[in-house]
Amino acid sequence: MDPMDSYFVIIGIIAVGVGIYELITKKLVGRKLEGVKKENVRKFLPYDVATYIIDGVTMVLLGSGQYVPFMRTTVGIFAVIILSLAVLVGNWYFSKKILGTPSNAERLR
């Protein structure tokens, strides 16, 4: 396994760990939540957990291509990358829809 593959696998395992941590603690990691209702955080939590876990698994798949036959093909690599990007776009969309957008005053802090 070359260094880049090892990096992908390590980052993927960390992402899955963060997703499980959020699921257990019911808290979002790495987000400013000033002024956001707890009810909205609870609504958004499953989307964020799914994002961390799915993107973590896709990173592990990208890093372990030599062990997973499907990941040896160009189609497999592109499919996993597109899935990962779709999950990230979905997370961004639902975060704006459920958590709202910060005001200009909050952005400047």
Protein backbone atom coordinates (compact mmCIF):
# COMPACT_ATOMS: atom_id res chain seq x y z
CA MET A 1 0.00 0.00 0.00
CA ASP A 2 1.54 3.30 -1.02
CA PRO A 3 1.50 6.39 1.24
CA MET A 4 -1.48 8.03 -0.49
CA ASP A 5 -3.60 4.90 -0.11
CA SER A 6 -2.62 4.69 3.56
CA TYR A 7 -3.60 8.34 3.98
CA PHE A 8 -7.03 7.70 2.44
CA VAL A 9 -7.63 4.70 4.69
CA ILE A 10 -6.60 6.58 7.85
CA ILE A 11 -8.72 9.65 7.01
CA GLY A 12 -11.66 7.36 6.16
CA ILE A 13 -11.41 5.53 9.48
CA ILE A 14 -11.23 8.87 11.33
CA ALA A 15 -14.34 10.10 9.45
CA VAL A 16 -16.30 6.98 10.33
CA GLY A 17 -15.18 7.42 13.95
CA VAL A 18 -16.40 11.02 13.99
CA GLY A 19 -19.75 9.90 12.55
CA ILE A 20 -20.14 7.26 15.25
CA TYR A 21 -19.09 9.80 17.91
CA GLU A 22 -21.78 12.22 16.70
CA LEU A 23 -24.34 9.42 16.71
CA ILE A 24 -23.50 8.44 20.28
CA THR A 25 -23.17 11.95 21.77
CA LYS A 26 -25.96 13.54 19.70
CA LYS A 27 -23.71 16.60 19.12
CA LEU A 28 -22.43 18.03 15.86
CA VAL A 29 -18.66 18.23 15.54
CA GLY A 30 -16.97 21.28 14.05
CA ARG A 31 -19.99 23.52 13.49
CA LYS A 32 -20.83 26.89 14.96
CA LEU A 33 -24.30 26.47 16.39
CA GLU A 34 -24.86 29.86 18.00
CA GLY A 35 -28.50 30.77 17.65
CA VAL A 36 -29.55 27.39 16.25
CA LYS A 37 -32.40 25.62 18.02
CA LYS A 38 -31.64 22.24 19.58
CA GLU A 39 -34.62 20.81 17.69
CA ASN A 40 -33.00 21.81 14.38
CA VAL A 41 -29.70 20.26 15.46
CA ARG A 42 -31.53 17.00 16.23
CA LYS A 43 -33.20 17.10 12.80
CA PHE A 44 -29.89 17.65 11.02
CA LEU A 45 -27.85 15.15 13.04
CA PRO A 46 -28.76 12.04 10.95
CA TYR A 47 -27.66 13.80 7.75
CA ASP A 48 -24.31 14.77 9.26
CA VAL A 49 -23.72 11.30 10.71
CA ALA A 50 -24.54 9.71 7.35
CA THR A 51 -22.19 12.12 5.60
CA TYR A 52 -19.26 11.26 7.87
CA ILE A 53 -19.87 7.52 7.65
CA ILE A 54 -20.54 7.31 3.91
CA ASP A 55 -17.64 9.60 3.00
CA GLY A 56 -15.39 7.73 5.42
CA VAL A 57 -16.27 4.43 3.78
CA THR A 58 -15.68 5.90 0.32
CA MET A 59 -12.25 7.15 1.44
CA VAL A 60 -11.39 3.68 2.74
CA LEU A 61 -12.56 2.16 -0.55
CA LEU A 62 -10.42 4.61 -2.53
CA GLY A 63 -7.42 3.77 -0.38
CA SER A 64 -7.86 0.02 -0.51
CA GLY A 65 -8.32 -0.32 -4.26
CA GLN A 66 -5.71 -3.05 -4.53
CA TYR A 67 -7.77 -5.26 -2.19
CA VAL A 68 -11.26 -4.53 -3.53
CA PRO A 69 -11.73 -5.77 -7.12
CA PHE A 70 -14.45 -3.22 -7.92
CA MET A 71 -12.09 -0.39 -7.00
CA ARG A 72 -9.49 -1.51 -9.54
CA THR A 73 -11.66 -0.21 -12.38
CA THR A 74 -12.01 3.36 -13.54
CA VAL A 75 -15.80 3.08 -13.36
CA GLY A 76 -15.59 2.00 -9.72
CA ILE A 77 -13.33 4.88 -8.80
CA PHE A 78 -15.53 7.44 -10.55
CA ALA A 79 -18.70 5.95 -9.01
CA VAL A 80 -17.25 6.24 -5.49
CA ILE A 81 -16.05 9.81 -6.11
CA ILE A 82 -19.45 10.85 -7.48
CA LEU A 83 -21.20 9.22 -4.50
CA SER A 84 -18.90 11.06 -2.12
CA LEU A 85 -19.49 14.42 -3.81
CA ALA A 86 -23.26 13.83 -3.91
CA VAL A 87 -23.29 13.12 -0.18
CA LEU A 88 -21.30 16.31 0.50
CA VAL A 89 -23.67 18.41 -1.63
CA GLY A 90 -26.64 16.85 0.16
CA ASN A 91 -25.08 17.67 3.52
CA TRP A 92 -24.52 21.27 2.43
CA TYR A 93 -28.12 21.56 1.16
CA PHE A 94 -29.70 20.12 4.30
CA SER A 95 -27.44 22.16 6.59
CA LYS A 96 -28.64 25.36 4.90
CA LYS A 97 -32.26 24.17 4.92
CA ILE A 98 -32.41 22.87 8.50
CA LEU A 99 -29.76 24.86 10.37
CA GLY A 100 -30.15 28.05 8.35
CA THR A 101 -27.48 30.41 7.16
CA PRO A 102 -25.48 32.56 9.56
CA SER A 103 -26.07 36.30 9.50
CA ASN A 104 -23.34 38.64 8.31
CA ALA A 105 -22.47 39.57 11.90
CA GLU A 106 -21.89 35.88 12.73
CA ARG A 107 -19.75 35.39 9.62
CA LEU A 108 -17.42 38.22 10.61
CA ARG A 109 -16.65 36.71 14.02
